[in-house]
Structures are given as structure tokens and as C-alpha cells.
Amino acid sequence: MPLIDFDAERAYDDKRFSAQETFRTERTKVVCAYFEPGQFIPVHAPGSDVVVNVRRGTGVVREDKTTHKVSPGDTVAVEAGTDRGIRADEDGRLEALLVTTPPPTDEEHGPVREGLRRGVFDPTADDSE
């Protein structure tokens, strides 16, 4: 596995979170994720496990109905098929390492695209957060 350098991968996007893929096999995907204040990965439930390790900043990681407040050093693991999402707090940037096994399919990321299009953290909820 290659050395993952958060400083070298760092890339922010004013419009949406930035995901810099640093490693991929048919079994695993590793991403450095960078969020401006308030940006998010919408809630979705792909058929893959994910481990989220927060490197900088604060925010929340949704795991089914539980919302975990996270800060540097926190790690949240979410089982495949479970609703999950990540959102940076409004007062600062968030950086996290995401390890997903197996890599989700393009189809499984449909709710992510829909949530980003609509600008809602949880596109499956009746009333948006």
C-alpha cells in the first residue's frame, strides 16, 4: 500500500466535498476526503463497510439513526447496508480518511449524487436536515 500523504492530496472544492482516491483494488478503496464548512457526503447505504478516521476539524458521522460528533483522532466504522453520511461543522474544515470494502458501485452512489444535487444531507428523510 502506498504512503498516504494528506498534505500532498489536500484539495478543497467550494461546491462540494473533495474525495481524493489514494488506493484501490477490487476489495478496498481508500480516499482522503476534504470538506469545507457545512459540506457533506449525503446519507446513503451501499453494500460495503466503511471506516472513517477524522484527521482534522470537527463534524458528524451518521451511522443508521445515530449521529456521532467527531473530532481529530476519532474513528467510526459502519457496516455494509447501513445508512451513513459525513458532514463538516459549519465553523471549520474537516479532513478524514475513508476506507471502504469492497468499493461501492456507481449505482450505490445514486443517493449521494441526489443529495448533492438537492443540497440535503439526508435525501431519504421526509424533512431535510
N, C-alpha and C. Protein backbone atom coordinates (compact mmCIF):
# COMPACT_ATOMS: atom_id res chain seq x y z
N MET A 1 0.84 -1.17 0.00
CA MET A 1 0.00 0.00 0.00
C MET A 1 0.89 1.23 0.00
N PRO A 2 0.57 2.21 -0.81
CA PRO A 2 1.39 3.42 -0.87
C PRO A 2 1.23 4.28 0.39
N LEU A 3 2.23 5.08 0.66
CA LEU A 3 2.16 6.06 1.73
C LEU A 3 1.09 7.09 1.36
N ILE A 4 0.20 7.38 2.28
CA ILE A 4 -0.85 8.36 2.02
C ILE A 4 -0.46 9.66 2.70
N ASP A 5 -0.28 10.69 1.91
CA ASP A 5 0.17 11.99 2.39
C ASP A 5 -0.98 13.00 2.29
N PHE A 6 -1.61 13.29 3.42
CA PHE A 6 -2.76 14.20 3.43
C PHE A 6 -2.39 15.58 2.90
N ASP A 7 -1.19 16.04 3.20
CA ASP A 7 -0.79 17.36 2.71
C ASP A 7 -0.67 17.38 1.20
N ALA A 8 -0.11 16.33 0.60
CA ALA A 8 0.06 16.27 -0.85
C ALA A 8 -1.28 16.07 -1.56
N GLU A 9 -2.21 15.36 -0.94
CA GLU A 9 -3.51 15.08 -1.55
C GLU A 9 -4.52 16.21 -1.36
N ARG A 10 -4.28 17.08 -0.40
CA ARG A 10 -5.25 18.09 0.01
C ARG A 10 -5.76 18.89 -1.18
N ALA A 11 -7.09 18.88 -1.33
CA ALA A 11 -7.77 19.64 -2.38
C ALA A 11 -9.18 19.94 -1.90
N TYR A 12 -9.51 21.20 -1.85
CA TYR A 12 -10.85 21.61 -1.45
C TYR A 12 -11.61 22.10 -2.66
N ASP A 13 -12.94 22.00 -2.60
CA ASP A 13 -13.82 22.43 -3.67
C ASP A 13 -14.91 23.28 -3.04
N ASP A 14 -15.13 24.47 -3.54
CA ASP A 14 -16.15 25.36 -2.97
C ASP A 14 -17.57 24.82 -3.11
N LYS A 15 -17.79 23.95 -4.10
CA LYS A 15 -19.15 23.49 -4.39
C LYS A 15 -19.55 22.23 -3.63
N ARG A 16 -18.59 21.30 -3.40
CA ARG A 16 -18.92 20.04 -2.74
C ARG A 16 -17.66 19.43 -2.14
N PHE A 17 -17.85 18.42 -1.29
CA PHE A 17 -16.69 17.78 -0.68
C PHE A 17 -15.75 17.26 -1.77
N SER A 18 -14.50 17.12 -1.43
CA SER A 18 -13.49 16.63 -2.36
C SER A 18 -13.01 15.27 -1.89
N ALA A 19 -13.02 14.28 -2.79
CA ALA A 19 -12.57 12.93 -2.47
C ALA A 19 -11.38 12.58 -3.35
N GLN A 20 -10.22 12.44 -2.74
CA GLN A 20 -9.00 12.11 -3.47
C GLN A 20 -8.69 10.63 -3.24
N GLU A 21 -8.96 9.81 -4.25
CA GLU A 21 -8.70 8.38 -4.14
C GLU A 21 -7.19 8.15 -4.13
N THR A 22 -6.71 7.42 -3.10
CA THR A 22 -5.27 7.19 -2.98
C THR A 22 -4.87 5.74 -3.17
N PHE A 23 -5.86 4.85 -3.13
CA PHE A 23 -5.56 3.43 -3.29
C PHE A 23 -6.84 2.71 -3.65
N ARG A 24 -6.74 1.72 -4.57
CA ARG A 24 -7.92 0.93 -4.92
C ARG A 24 -7.51 -0.44 -5.44
N THR A 25 -8.23 -1.44 -4.95
CA THR A 25 -8.18 -2.77 -5.50
C THR A 25 -9.63 -3.20 -5.68
N GLU A 26 -9.84 -4.42 -6.15
CA GLU A 26 -11.23 -4.88 -6.26
C GLU A 26 -11.86 -5.08 -4.89
N ARG A 27 -11.03 -5.12 -3.83
CA ARG A 27 -11.52 -5.35 -2.47
C ARG A 27 -11.58 -4.11 -1.59
N THR A 28 -10.80 -3.08 -1.90
CA THR A 28 -10.66 -1.94 -1.00
C THR A 28 -10.51 -0.64 -1.77
N LYS A 29 -11.07 0.43 -1.19
CA LYS A 29 -10.89 1.78 -1.72
C LYS A 29 -10.51 2.69 -0.55
N VAL A 30 -9.46 3.49 -0.74
CA VAL A 30 -9.00 4.43 0.28
C VAL A 30 -9.08 5.84 -0.30
N VAL A 31 -9.72 6.74 0.45
CA VAL A 31 -9.96 8.10 -0.01
C VAL A 31 -9.57 9.09 1.09
N CYS A 32 -8.91 10.16 0.70
CA CYS A 32 -8.73 11.31 1.58
C CYS A 32 -9.89 12.26 1.24
N ALA A 33 -10.71 12.57 2.22
CA ALA A 33 -11.89 13.41 1.99
C ALA A 33 -11.69 14.76 2.67
N TYR A 34 -12.01 15.82 1.92
CA TYR A 34 -11.81 17.19 2.39
C TYR A 34 -13.13 17.94 2.26
N PHE A 35 -13.57 18.54 3.37
CA PHE A 35 -14.85 19.22 3.43
C PHE A 35 -14.67 20.67 3.85
N GLU A 36 -15.23 21.59 3.10
CA GLU A 36 -15.34 22.97 3.55
C GLU A 36 -16.43 23.00 4.64
N PRO A 37 -16.50 24.08 5.43
CA PRO A 37 -17.53 24.15 6.47
C PRO A 37 -18.93 23.85 5.91
N GLY A 38 -19.63 22.94 6.60
CA GLY A 38 -21.00 22.60 6.22
C GLY A 38 -21.14 21.61 5.07
N GLN A 39 -20.07 21.29 4.36
CA GLN A 39 -20.17 20.34 3.27
C GLN A 39 -20.36 18.92 3.81
N PHE A 40 -20.87 18.03 2.94
CA PHE A 40 -21.22 16.70 3.40
C PHE A 40 -21.17 15.67 2.29
N ILE A 41 -21.10 14.41 2.73
CA ILE A 41 -21.41 13.26 1.88
C ILE A 41 -22.81 12.85 2.32
N PRO A 42 -23.79 12.93 1.42
CA PRO A 42 -25.16 12.61 1.81
C PRO A 42 -25.32 11.18 2.33
N VAL A 43 -26.31 11.01 3.16
CA VAL A 43 -26.64 9.71 3.72
C VAL A 43 -27.01 8.74 2.59
N HIS A 44 -26.40 7.57 2.64
CA HIS A 44 -26.66 6.50 1.68
C HIS A 44 -26.29 5.19 2.35
N ALA A 45 -26.65 4.06 1.75
CA ALA A 45 -26.42 2.76 2.38
C ALA A 45 -25.88 1.75 1.38
N PRO A 46 -24.63 1.93 0.93
CA PRO A 46 -24.07 0.98 -0.03
C PRO A 46 -23.77 -0.38 0.63
N GLY A 47 -23.52 -1.37 -0.19
CA GLY A 47 -23.21 -2.71 0.29
C GLY A 47 -21.75 -2.89 0.62
N SER A 48 -21.18 -1.93 1.34
CA SER A 48 -19.78 -2.01 1.72
C SER A 48 -19.60 -1.45 3.13
N ASP A 49 -18.61 -2.00 3.83
CA ASP A 49 -18.24 -1.46 5.13
C ASP A 49 -17.40 -0.21 4.89
N VAL A 50 -17.44 0.72 5.83
CA VAL A 50 -16.57 1.90 5.74
C VAL A 50 -16.01 2.21 7.12
N VAL A 51 -14.74 2.62 7.13
CA VAL A 51 -14.11 3.13 8.35
C VAL A 51 -13.75 4.58 8.06
N VAL A 52 -14.19 5.48 8.94
CA VAL A 52 -13.93 6.91 8.81
C VAL A 52 -13.01 7.32 9.95
N ASN A 53 -11.83 7.82 9.61
CA ASN A 53 -10.88 8.31 10.61
C ASN A 53 -10.71 9.80 10.40
N VAL A 54 -11.10 10.58 11.40
CA VAL A 54 -11.02 12.04 11.30
C VAL A 54 -9.60 12.49 11.59
N ARG A 55 -9.07 13.27 10.66
CA ARG A 55 -7.70 13.77 10.77
C ARG A 55 -7.66 15.20 11.31
N ARG A 56 -8.55 16.06 10.79
CA ARG A 56 -8.61 17.47 11.20
C ARG A 56 -10.05 17.93 11.20
N GLY A 57 -10.34 18.90 12.06
CA GLY A 57 -11.66 19.51 12.09
C GLY A 57 -12.67 18.70 12.89
N THR A 58 -13.91 19.19 12.85
CA THR A 58 -15.00 18.53 13.57
C THR A 58 -16.21 18.42 12.66
N GLY A 59 -17.09 17.49 13.03
CA GLY A 59 -18.29 17.28 12.26
C GLY A 59 -19.10 16.15 12.84
N VAL A 60 -19.90 15.51 11.97
CA VAL A 60 -20.70 14.37 12.39
C VAL A 60 -20.55 13.25 11.37
N VAL A 61 -20.64 12.03 11.89
CA VAL A 61 -20.73 10.84 11.06
C VAL A 61 -22.04 10.17 11.44
N ARG A 62 -22.92 10.02 10.46
CA ARG A 62 -24.19 9.33 10.69
C ARG A 62 -23.98 7.85 10.51
N GLU A 63 -24.49 7.07 11.46
CA GLU A 63 -24.48 5.62 11.41
C GLU A 63 -25.89 5.16 11.74
N ASP A 64 -26.68 4.82 10.72
CA ASP A 64 -28.08 4.47 10.88
C ASP A 64 -28.80 5.64 11.55
N LYS A 65 -29.37 5.46 12.71
CA LYS A 65 -30.09 6.55 13.41
C LYS A 65 -29.19 7.31 14.38
N THR A 66 -27.94 6.88 14.54
CA THR A 66 -27.01 7.52 15.49
C THR A 66 -26.16 8.55 14.77
N THR A 67 -26.05 9.71 15.38
CA THR A 67 -25.18 10.76 14.85
C THR A 67 -24.00 10.92 15.81
N HIS A 68 -22.81 10.58 15.33
CA HIS A 68 -21.60 10.67 16.15
C HIS A 68 -20.93 12.02 15.92
N LYS A 69 -20.73 12.81 16.97
CA LYS A 69 -19.90 14.02 16.88
C LYS A 69 -18.46 13.54 16.83
N VAL A 70 -17.71 14.04 15.85
CA VAL A 70 -16.33 13.57 15.68
C VAL A 70 -15.35 14.73 15.65
N SER A 71 -14.12 14.41 16.07
CA SER A 71 -13.02 15.37 16.06
C SER A 71 -11.74 14.59 15.77
N PRO A 72 -10.60 15.29 15.63
CA PRO A 72 -9.36 14.60 15.25
C PRO A 72 -9.05 13.39 16.13
N GLY A 73 -8.72 12.27 15.46
CA GLY A 73 -8.41 11.03 16.15
C GLY A 73 -9.59 10.09 16.29
N ASP A 74 -10.81 10.58 16.10
CA ASP A 74 -11.98 9.71 16.21
C ASP A 74 -12.10 8.81 14.98
N THR A 75 -12.55 7.59 15.22
CA THR A 75 -12.77 6.63 14.15
C THR A 75 -14.15 6.01 14.33
N VAL A 76 -14.91 5.98 13.22
CA VAL A 76 -16.23 5.37 13.22
C VAL A 76 -16.25 4.31 12.13
N ALA A 77 -16.70 3.11 12.47
CA ALA A 77 -16.85 2.02 11.50
C ALA A 77 -18.34 1.78 11.29
N VAL A 78 -18.74 1.67 10.02
CA VAL A 78 -20.15 1.46 9.69
C VAL A 78 -20.26 0.23 8.80
N GLU A 79 -21.14 -0.67 9.19
CA GLU A 79 -21.33 -1.93 8.48
C GLU A 79 -22.06 -1.73 7.15
N ALA A 80 -21.78 -2.60 6.21
CA ALA A 80 -22.43 -2.58 4.89
C ALA A 80 -23.95 -2.56 5.05
N GLY A 81 -24.61 -1.84 4.14
CA GLY A 81 -26.07 -1.78 4.13
C GLY A 81 -26.66 -0.86 5.16
N THR A 82 -25.84 -0.17 5.92
CA THR A 82 -26.29 0.75 6.97
C THR A 82 -26.22 2.18 6.45
N ASP A 83 -27.28 2.97 6.72
CA ASP A 83 -27.24 4.38 6.34
C ASP A 83 -26.03 5.04 6.97
N ARG A 84 -25.30 5.83 6.13
CA ARG A 84 -24.15 6.57 6.64
C ARG A 84 -23.99 7.84 5.85
N GLY A 85 -23.40 8.84 6.49
CA GLY A 85 -23.08 10.11 5.85
C GLY A 85 -22.10 10.85 6.74
N ILE A 86 -21.44 11.85 6.16
CA ILE A 86 -20.46 12.65 6.90
C ILE A 86 -20.74 14.11 6.61
N ARG A 87 -20.67 14.96 7.65
CA ARG A 87 -20.88 16.39 7.46
C ARG A 87 -19.92 17.18 8.34
N ALA A 88 -19.26 18.17 7.74
CA ALA A 88 -18.38 19.07 8.49
C ALA A 88 -19.23 20.06 9.28
N ASP A 89 -18.74 20.44 10.45
CA ASP A 89 -19.40 21.51 11.19
C ASP A 89 -19.35 22.80 10.39
N GLU A 90 -20.23 23.72 10.71
CA GLU A 90 -20.33 24.99 9.97
C GLU A 90 -19.17 25.93 10.23
N ASP A 91 -18.38 25.66 11.29
CA ASP A 91 -17.34 26.63 11.67
C ASP A 91 -15.92 26.24 11.26
N GLY A 92 -15.77 25.22 10.42
CA GLY A 92 -14.42 24.87 10.01
C GLY A 92 -14.38 23.69 9.05
N ARG A 93 -13.21 23.51 8.47
CA ARG A 93 -12.98 22.41 7.54
C ARG A 93 -12.86 21.08 8.28
N LEU A 94 -13.11 20.00 7.55
CA LEU A 94 -12.98 18.64 8.07
C LEU A 94 -12.17 17.83 7.08
N GLU A 95 -11.25 17.01 7.59
CA GLU A 95 -10.48 16.10 6.77
C GLU A 95 -10.58 14.71 7.38
N ALA A 96 -10.83 13.71 6.53
CA ALA A 96 -10.99 12.34 7.03
C ALA A 96 -10.43 11.34 6.03
N LEU A 97 -9.95 10.23 6.56
CA LEU A 97 -9.53 9.10 5.76
C LEU A 97 -10.69 8.11 5.74
N LEU A 98 -11.10 7.68 4.53
CA LEU A 98 -12.21 6.74 4.39
C LEU A 98 -11.66 5.46 3.76
N VAL A 99 -11.90 4.33 4.42
CA VAL A 99 -11.50 3.04 3.89
C VAL A 99 -12.78 2.24 3.70
N THR A 100 -13.05 1.85 2.45
CA THR A 100 -14.30 1.18 2.10
C THR A 100 -14.00 -0.19 1.51
N THR A 101 -14.71 -1.23 2.02
CA THR A 101 -14.52 -2.58 1.50
C THR A 101 -15.86 -3.28 1.31
N PRO A 102 -16.15 -3.81 0.16
CA PRO A 102 -15.50 -3.53 -1.12
C PRO A 102 -15.88 -2.13 -1.59
N PRO A 103 -15.22 -1.60 -2.62
CA PRO A 103 -15.58 -0.28 -3.13
C PRO A 103 -17.05 -0.27 -3.57
N PRO A 104 -17.79 0.78 -3.21
CA PRO A 104 -19.19 0.85 -3.63
C PRO A 104 -19.30 1.01 -5.15
N THR A 105 -20.41 0.57 -5.68
CA THR A 105 -20.66 0.70 -7.12
C THR A 105 -21.16 2.10 -7.44
N ASP A 106 -21.11 2.44 -8.72
CA ASP A 106 -21.63 3.72 -9.17
C ASP A 106 -23.13 3.82 -8.85
N GLU A 107 -23.85 2.73 -9.03
CA GLU A 107 -25.29 2.71 -8.74
C GLU A 107 -25.56 2.99 -7.26
N GLU A 108 -24.72 2.43 -6.38
CA GLU A 108 -24.91 2.64 -4.94
C GLU A 108 -24.67 4.09 -4.53
N HIS A 109 -23.97 4.85 -5.36
CA HIS A 109 -23.73 6.25 -5.06
C HIS A 109 -24.81 7.18 -5.62
N GLY A 110 -25.88 6.60 -6.19
CA GLY A 110 -27.01 7.41 -6.67
C GLY A 110 -27.57 8.34 -5.60
N PRO A 111 -27.82 7.85 -4.36
CA PRO A 111 -28.32 8.75 -3.32
C PRO A 111 -27.34 9.88 -2.98
N VAL A 112 -26.04 9.62 -3.12
CA VAL A 112 -25.04 10.67 -2.87
C VAL A 112 -25.21 11.77 -3.92
N ARG A 113 -25.28 11.38 -5.18
CA ARG A 113 -25.48 12.37 -6.25
C ARG A 113 -26.79 13.14 -6.06
N GLU A 114 -27.85 12.42 -5.67
CA GLU A 114 -29.15 13.07 -5.47
C GLU A 114 -29.09 14.05 -4.30
N GLY A 115 -28.47 13.65 -3.20
CA GLY A 115 -28.34 14.55 -2.05
C GLY A 115 -27.53 15.78 -2.38
N LEU A 116 -26.45 15.61 -3.15
CA LEU A 116 -25.64 16.77 -3.55
C LEU A 116 -26.43 17.68 -4.49
N ARG A 117 -27.18 17.07 -5.41
CA ARG A 117 -27.99 17.86 -6.36
C ARG A 117 -29.02 18.69 -5.62
N ARG A 118 -29.66 18.07 -4.60
CA ARG A 118 -30.70 18.76 -3.83
C ARG A 118 -30.13 19.61 -2.70
N GLY A 119 -28.85 19.39 -2.36
CA GLY A 119 -28.24 20.14 -1.26
C GLY A 119 -28.72 19.70 0.11
N VAL A 120 -29.02 18.40 0.25
CA VAL A 120 -29.51 17.89 1.53
C VAL A 120 -28.62 16.75 2.03
N PHE A 121 -28.36 16.76 3.32
CA PHE A 121 -27.53 15.75 3.95
C PHE A 121 -28.18 14.38 3.88
N ASP A 122 -29.49 14.32 4.15
CA ASP A 122 -30.19 13.03 4.14
C ASP A 122 -31.31 13.06 3.11
N PRO A 123 -31.01 12.66 1.86
CA PRO A 123 -32.02 12.71 0.80
C PRO A 123 -33.14 11.70 0.98
N THR A 124 -32.99 10.77 1.94
CA THR A 124 -34.04 9.77 2.19
C THR A 124 -35.03 10.23 3.24
N ALA A 125 -34.74 11.31 3.96
CA ALA A 125 -35.60 11.78 5.04
C ALA A 125 -36.80 12.53 4.46
N ASP A 126 -37.92 12.47 5.19
CA ASP A 126 -39.11 13.18 4.77
C ASP A 126 -38.92 14.70 4.84
N ASP A 127 -38.26 15.15 5.92
CA ASP A 127 -37.95 16.59 6.00
C ASP A 127 -36.45 16.73 6.10
N SER A 128 -35.87 17.47 5.19
CA SER A 128 -34.41 17.59 5.08
C SER A 128 -33.82 18.28 6.28
N GLU A 129 -32.60 17.82 6.63
CA GLU A 129 -31.87 18.45 7.74
C GLU A 129 -31.21 19.71 7.27
